[in-house]
């Protein structure tokens, strides 16, 4: 999350990863955008959040036909410096492989 957040802010990311067993090299590129502000209630409480839509695409560098895409929707709460709700989908070879959602259930502050 690139601070400070404001509606319309966008950023990109790039990364490389190597599978230590197979030696495959994967290249990931990501794009994120703050699309709104929403109040979100989870078991941990009610938070003022920024909604961030994010997509990450990973490609095998030796076989460009092997790729996968993750899409995320994050509700990031500056008051606790983390997302309080997150939804994700993973697609590979054009097919939905996994999807899940998570919510913050509790938190505490260090004194």
C-alpha atoms as a PDB file:
ATOM      1  CA  UNK A   1       0.000   0.000   0.000  1.00  0.00           C
ATOM      2  CA  UNK A   2       1.508   3.292  -1.126  1.00  0.00           C
ATOM      3  CA  UNK A   3       0.890   6.033   1.414  1.00  0.00           C
ATOM      4  CA  UNK A   4      -0.715   8.538   1.588  1.00  0.00           C
ATOM      5  CA  UNK A   5      -3.893   7.122   0.113  1.00  0.00           C
ATOM      6  CA  UNK A   6      -6.400   9.159  -1.863  1.00  0.00           C
ATOM      7  CA  UNK A   7      -9.120   8.256  -4.340  1.00  0.00           C
ATOM      8  CA  UNK A   8      -7.665   7.857  -7.833  1.00  0.00           C
ATOM      9  CA  UNK A   9      -4.105   7.104  -6.696  1.00  0.00           C
ATOM     10  CA  UNK A  10      -2.462   4.303  -8.714  1.00  0.00           C
ATOM     11  CA  UNK A  11       0.812   2.391  -8.470  1.00  0.00           C
ATOM     12  CA  UNK A  12       2.573  -0.542 -10.098  1.00  0.00           C
ATOM     13  CA  UNK A  13       4.870  -3.290  -8.856  1.00  0.00           C
ATOM     14  CA  UNK A  14       7.285  -5.754 -10.435  1.00  0.00           C
ATOM     15  CA  UNK A  15       8.956  -8.849  -8.986  1.00  0.00           C
ATOM     16  CA  UNK A  16      10.842 -11.972 -10.002  1.00  0.00           C
ATOM     17  CA  UNK A  17      10.687 -15.324  -8.240  1.00  0.00           C
ATOM     18  CA  UNK A  18      12.601 -18.580  -8.700  1.00  0.00           C
ATOM     19  CA  UNK A  19      11.165 -21.957  -7.748  1.00  0.00           C
ATOM     20  CA  UNK A  20      14.009 -23.510  -5.743  1.00  0.00           C
ATOM     21  CA  UNK A  21      13.017 -27.062  -6.728  1.00  0.00           C
ATOM     22  CA  UNK A  22      12.308 -26.694 -10.451  1.00  0.00           C
ATOM     23  CA  UNK A  23      14.416 -23.635 -11.235  1.00  0.00           C
ATOM     24  CA  UNK A  24      11.452 -21.990 -13.020  1.00  0.00           C
ATOM     25  CA  UNK A  25      11.642 -18.212 -13.146  1.00  0.00           C
ATOM     26  CA  UNK A  26       8.389 -16.290 -12.813  1.00  0.00           C
ATOM     27  CA  UNK A  27       7.873 -12.590 -13.551  1.00  0.00           C
ATOM     28  CA  UNK A  28       5.064 -10.761 -11.740  1.00  0.00           C
ATOM     29  CA  UNK A  29       3.608  -7.367 -12.546  1.00  0.00           C
ATOM     30  CA  UNK A  30       0.935  -5.676 -10.520  1.00  0.00           C
ATOM     31  CA  UNK A  31      -1.316  -2.653 -10.696  1.00  0.00           C
ATOM     32  CA  UNK A  32      -3.357  -1.113  -7.893  1.00  0.00           C
ATOM     33  CA  UNK A  33      -5.828   1.752  -7.705  1.00  0.00           C
ATOM     34  CA  UNK A  34      -7.677   3.429  -4.846  1.00  0.00           C
ATOM     35  CA  UNK A  35     -11.289   3.453  -6.073  1.00  0.00           C
ATOM     36  CA  UNK A  36     -13.202   4.800  -3.096  1.00  0.00           C
ATOM     37  CA  UNK A  37     -13.695   5.297   0.622  1.00  0.00           C
ATOM     38  CA  UNK A  38     -16.093   3.053   2.532  1.00  0.00           C
ATOM     39  CA  UNK A  39     -17.015   2.335   6.123  1.00  0.00           C
ATOM     40  CA  UNK A  40     -16.579  -1.393   6.804  1.00  0.00           C
ATOM     41  CA  UNK A  41     -17.791  -3.404   9.788  1.00  0.00           C
ATOM     42  CA  UNK A  42     -15.989  -6.630  10.718  1.00  0.00           C
ATOM     43  CA  UNK A  43     -15.943  -8.679  13.939  1.00  0.00           C
ATOM     44  CA  UNK A  44     -13.041  -6.413  15.036  1.00  0.00           C
ATOM     45  CA  UNK A  45     -15.135  -3.233  14.750  1.00  0.00           C
ATOM     46  CA  UNK A  46     -16.175  -0.526  12.294  1.00  0.00           C
ATOM     47  CA  UNK A  47     -13.455   1.167  10.245  1.00  0.00           C
ATOM     48  CA  UNK A  48     -13.135   4.022   7.773  1.00  0.00           C
ATOM     49  CA  UNK A  49     -11.328   2.439   4.827  1.00  0.00           C
ATOM     50  CA  UNK A  50      -9.954   3.039   1.370  1.00  0.00           C
ATOM     51  CA  UNK A  51     -11.042   0.439  -1.190  1.00  0.00           C
ATOM     52  CA  UNK A  52      -8.067  -0.668  -3.284  1.00  0.00           C
ATOM     53  CA  UNK A  53      -8.517  -2.818  -6.420  1.00  0.00           C
ATOM     54  CA  UNK A  54      -5.389  -4.737  -7.371  1.00  0.00           C
ATOM     55  CA  UNK A  55      -4.372  -7.177 -10.129  1.00  0.00           C
ATOM     56  CA  UNK A  56      -1.165  -9.227 -10.199  1.00  0.00           C
ATOM     57  CA  UNK A  57      -0.181 -11.232 -13.285  1.00  0.00           C
ATOM     58  CA  UNK A  58       2.570 -13.862 -13.091  1.00  0.00           C
ATOM     59  CA  UNK A  59       4.187 -15.339 -16.232  1.00  0.00           C
ATOM     60  CA  UNK A  60       6.689 -18.168 -16.625  1.00  0.00           C
ATOM     61  CA  UNK A  61       9.660 -16.493 -18.344  1.00  0.00           C
ATOM     62  CA  UNK A  62      10.488 -19.586 -20.443  1.00  0.00           C
ATOM     63  CA  UNK A  63       6.891 -20.380 -21.444  1.00  0.00           C
ATOM     64  CA  UNK A  64       4.764 -17.244 -21.837  1.00  0.00           C
ATOM     65  CA  UNK A  65       1.623 -19.381 -22.262  1.00  0.00           C
ATOM     66  CA  UNK A  66       1.896 -20.388 -18.593  1.00  0.00           C
ATOM     67  CA  UNK A  67       0.485 -17.529 -16.580  1.00  0.00           C
ATOM     68  CA  UNK A  68      -1.848 -16.818 -13.719  1.00  0.00           C
ATOM     69  CA  UNK A  69      -3.710 -13.764 -12.514  1.00  0.00           C
ATOM     70  CA  UNK A  70      -4.700 -12.756  -9.006  1.00  0.00           C
ATOM     71  CA  UNK A  71      -7.306 -10.049  -8.445  1.00  0.00           C
ATOM     72  CA  UNK A  72      -7.767  -8.507  -5.014  1.00  0.00           C
ATOM     73  CA  UNK A  73     -10.147  -6.042  -3.458  1.00  0.00           C
ATOM     74  CA  UNK A  74      -8.732  -4.651  -0.206  1.00  0.00           C
ATOM     75  CA  UNK A  75     -10.400  -2.418   2.328  1.00  0.00           C
ATOM     76  CA  UNK A  76      -7.436  -0.709   3.975  1.00  0.00           C
ATOM     77  CA  UNK A  77      -7.965   1.062   7.314  1.00  0.00           C
ATOM     78  CA  UNK A  78      -5.292   3.695   8.067  1.00  0.00           C
ATOM     79  CA  UNK A  79      -6.299   3.646  11.767  1.00  0.00           C
ATOM     80  CA  UNK A  80      -4.918   0.097  12.131  1.00  0.00           C
ATOM     81  CA  UNK A  81      -2.384   0.281   9.259  1.00  0.00           C
ATOM     82  CA  UNK A  82      -3.677  -2.820   7.463  1.00  0.00           C
ATOM     83  CA  UNK A  83      -6.532  -4.214   5.426  1.00  0.00           C
ATOM     84  CA  UNK A  84      -9.604  -5.166   7.449  1.00  0.00           C
ATOM     85  CA  UNK A  85     -11.355  -7.028   4.636  1.00  0.00           C
ATOM     86  CA  UNK A  86      -9.885  -8.692   1.551  1.00  0.00           C
ATOM     87  CA  UNK A  87     -11.365 -10.660  -1.344  1.00  0.00           C
ATOM     88  CA  UNK A  88      -9.197 -12.575  -3.820  1.00  0.00           C
ATOM     89  CA  UNK A  89      -9.558 -14.624  -7.007  1.00  0.00           C
ATOM     90  CA  UNK A  90      -6.879 -16.733  -8.666  1.00  0.00           C
ATOM     91  CA  UNK A  91      -7.189 -17.614 -12.364  1.00  0.00           C
ATOM     92  CA  UNK A  92      -4.839 -19.877 -14.287  1.00  0.00           C
ATOM     93  CA  UNK A  93      -5.155 -20.919 -17.930  1.00  0.00           C
ATOM     94  CA  UNK A  94      -8.348 -18.858 -18.132  1.00  0.00           C
ATOM     95  CA  UNK A  95     -10.081 -20.793 -15.349  1.00  0.00           C
ATOM     96  CA  UNK A  96     -11.021 -19.804 -11.826  1.00  0.00           C
ATOM     97  CA  UNK A  97      -8.786 -21.879  -9.545  1.00  0.00           C
ATOM     98  CA  UNK A  98      -9.512 -20.359  -6.135  1.00  0.00           C
ATOM     99  CA  UNK A  99     -11.365 -17.522  -4.453  1.00  0.00           C
ATOM    100  CA  UNK A 100     -11.641 -16.464  -0.834  1.00  0.00           C
ATOM    101  CA  UNK A 101     -12.421 -13.584   1.459  1.00  0.00           C
ATOM    102  CA  UNK A 102     -10.933 -12.620   4.802  1.00  0.00           C
ATOM    103  CA  UNK A 103     -11.857 -10.196   7.557  1.00  0.00           C
ATOM    104  CA  UNK A 104     -10.066  -8.824  10.575  1.00  0.00           C
ATOM    105  CA  UNK A 105     -11.580 -10.474  13.658  1.00  0.00           C
ATOM    106  CA  UNK A 106      -9.559  -8.703  16.359  1.00  0.00           C
ATOM    107  CA  UNK A 107      -6.513  -6.533  16.907  1.00  0.00           C
ATOM    108  CA  UNK A 108      -4.600  -4.837  19.696  1.00  0.00           C
ATOM    109  CA  UNK A 109      -2.089  -2.023  19.886  1.00  0.00           C
ATOM    110  CA  UNK A 110       1.391  -2.272  21.389  1.00  0.00           C
ATOM    111  CA  UNK A 111       1.880   0.121  24.275  1.00  0.00           C
END
